Amino acid sequence: MPSLWHIQYMGNSHNSDALSGFLLNNEVHTSGTLWSNRGEPVGIKNPNRMSTGGVATKGNGKMLAFVWKDKRMVKVISI
């Protein structure tokens, strides 16, 4: 049977770096926002002195995580 790749869009209360990696190993791509206490990649954990509109990214070939500052920090992960 051919692999059936799916994509799952997740809200911040259910998403994490570890869960997205697990789902990728099971042929499911994910995308969604992250909460700060839900397992975020180290590269976006504490961006230094980010001004409004600033962006920081971290990727490893399979995963892209980024944070930008609006009124608050908004963190997103996509695999």
C-alpha atoms as a PDB file:
ATOM      1  CA  MET A   1       0.000   0.000   0.000  1.00  0.00           C
ATOM      2  CA  PRO A   2       1.456   3.415  -0.887  1.00  0.00           C
ATOM      3  CA  SER A   3       2.055   5.805   1.967  1.00  0.00           C
ATOM      4  CA  LEU A   4      -0.729   8.317   2.504  1.00  0.00           C
ATOM      5  CA  TRP A   5       0.794  11.597   3.609  1.00  0.00           C
ATOM      6  CA  HIS A   6      -1.653  13.829   5.421  1.00  0.00           C
ATOM      7  CA  ILE A   7      -1.355  17.296   6.927  1.00  0.00           C
ATOM      8  CA  GLN A   8      -2.704  18.183  10.362  1.00  0.00           C
ATOM      9  CA  TYR A   9      -3.249  21.804  11.387  1.00  0.00           C
ATOM     10  CA  MET A  10      -3.060  22.132  15.160  1.00  0.00           C
ATOM     11  CA  GLY A  11      -3.868  24.807  17.684  1.00  0.00           C
ATOM     12  CA  ASN A  12      -1.334  25.894  20.263  1.00  0.00           C
ATOM     13  CA  SER A  13      -2.799  23.820  23.080  1.00  0.00           C
ATOM     14  CA  HIS A  14      -2.075  20.535  21.252  1.00  0.00           C
ATOM     15  CA  ASN A  15       1.128  21.214  19.312  1.00  0.00           C
ATOM     16  CA  SER A  16       4.752  20.629  20.339  1.00  0.00           C
ATOM     17  CA  ASP A  17       8.141  19.974  18.778  1.00  0.00           C
ATOM     18  CA  ALA A  18       8.123  16.334  19.974  1.00  0.00           C
ATOM     19  CA  LEU A  19       4.564  15.634  18.783  1.00  0.00           C
ATOM     20  CA  SER A  20       5.257  17.100  15.345  1.00  0.00           C
ATOM     21  CA  GLY A  21       8.383  14.924  15.031  1.00  0.00           C
ATOM     22  CA  PHE A  22       6.450  11.823  16.080  1.00  0.00           C
ATOM     23  CA  LEU A  23       3.706  12.512  13.551  1.00  0.00           C
ATOM     24  CA  LEU A  24       6.259  13.100  10.782  1.00  0.00           C
ATOM     25  CA  ASN A  25       7.696   9.635  11.460  1.00  0.00           C
ATOM     26  CA  ASN A  26       4.144   8.337  10.958  1.00  0.00           C
ATOM     27  CA  GLU A  27       3.706  10.146   7.622  1.00  0.00           C
ATOM     28  CA  VAL A  28       1.702  13.112   8.886  1.00  0.00           C
ATOM     29  CA  HIS A  29       2.873  16.678   8.256  1.00  0.00           C
ATOM     30  CA  THR A  30       1.879  19.267  10.851  1.00  0.00           C
ATOM     31  CA  SER A  31       1.580  23.006  11.057  1.00  0.00           C
ATOM     32  CA  GLY A  32       0.394  25.230  13.872  1.00  0.00           C
ATOM     33  CA  THR A  33       1.139  27.680  16.625  1.00  0.00           C
ATOM     34  CA  LEU A  34       3.032  26.845  19.827  1.00  0.00           C
ATOM     35  CA  TRP A  35       2.705  27.836  23.445  1.00  0.00           C
ATOM     36  CA  SER A  36       5.944  28.661  25.229  1.00  0.00           C
ATOM     37  CA  ASN A  37       5.546  25.803  27.714  1.00  0.00           C
ATOM     38  CA  ARG A  38       4.717  23.073  25.163  1.00  0.00           C
ATOM     39  CA  GLY A  39       8.122  22.031  23.861  1.00  0.00           C
ATOM     40  CA  GLU A  40       9.526  24.574  21.460  1.00  0.00           C
ATOM     41  CA  PRO A  41      12.807  24.340  19.557  1.00  0.00           C
ATOM     42  CA  VAL A  42      15.786  25.940  21.301  1.00  0.00           C
ATOM     43  CA  GLY A  43      16.416  28.413  18.461  1.00  0.00           C
ATOM     44  CA  ILE A  44      13.134  30.245  19.064  1.00  0.00           C
ATOM     45  CA  LYS A  45      12.807  29.743  22.809  1.00  0.00           C
ATOM     46  CA  ASN A  46      14.140  33.139  23.969  1.00  0.00           C
ATOM     47  CA  PRO A  47      14.772  35.496  21.062  1.00  0.00           C
ATOM     48  CA  ASN A  48      16.974  38.364  22.210  1.00  0.00           C
ATOM     49  CA  ARG A  49      15.687  41.927  22.077  1.00  0.00           C
ATOM     50  CA  MET A  50      13.151  41.439  19.341  1.00  0.00           C
ATOM     51  CA  SER A  51      11.285  44.571  18.312  1.00  0.00           C
ATOM     52  CA  THR A  52       7.724  44.653  16.980  1.00  0.00           C
ATOM     53  CA  GLY A  53       7.683  43.073  13.535  1.00  0.00           C
ATOM     54  CA  GLY A  54      10.907  41.138  14.168  1.00  0.00           C
ATOM     55  CA  VAL A  55      11.276  37.507  13.085  1.00  0.00           C
ATOM     56  CA  ALA A  56      13.567  34.657  14.204  1.00  0.00           C
ATOM     57  CA  THR A  57      13.679  31.244  12.506  1.00  0.00           C
ATOM     58  CA  LYS A  58      15.136  27.806  13.179  1.00  0.00           C
ATOM     59  CA  GLY A  59      15.108  24.923  10.727  1.00  0.00           C
ATOM     60  CA  ASN A  60      16.769  21.539  10.357  1.00  0.00           C
ATOM     61  CA  GLY A  61      15.778  20.352   6.872  1.00  0.00           C
ATOM     62  CA  LYS A  62      12.512  18.709   7.910  1.00  0.00           C
ATOM     63  CA  MET A  63      11.153  21.269  10.350  1.00  0.00           C
ATOM     64  CA  LEU A  64      10.789  25.038  10.305  1.00  0.00           C
ATOM     65  CA  ALA A  65       9.996  26.932  13.487  1.00  0.00           C
ATOM     66  CA  PHE A  66       9.718  30.672  13.684  1.00  0.00           C
ATOM     67  CA  VAL A  67       8.673  33.415  16.046  1.00  0.00           C
ATOM     68  CA  TRP A  68       7.601  36.935  15.322  1.00  0.00           C
ATOM     69  CA  LYS A  69       6.668  39.727  17.638  1.00  0.00           C
ATOM     70  CA  ASP A  70       3.354  41.505  17.292  1.00  0.00           C
ATOM     71  CA  LYS A  71       1.853  42.675  20.580  1.00  0.00           C
ATOM     72  CA  ARG A  72       3.060  39.320  21.905  1.00  0.00           C
ATOM     73  CA  MET A  73       5.446  36.654  20.676  1.00  0.00           C
ATOM     74  CA  VAL A  74       3.758  34.332  18.152  1.00  0.00           C
ATOM     75  CA  LYS A  75       5.494  30.971  17.648  1.00  0.00           C
ATOM     76  CA  VAL A  76       4.770  28.616  14.742  1.00  0.00           C
ATOM     77  CA  ILE A  77       6.100  25.194  13.763  1.00  0.00           C
ATOM     78  CA  SER A  78       5.672  23.490  10.404  1.00  0.00           C
ATOM     79  CA  ILE A  79       6.895  20.091   9.288  1.00  0.00           C
END
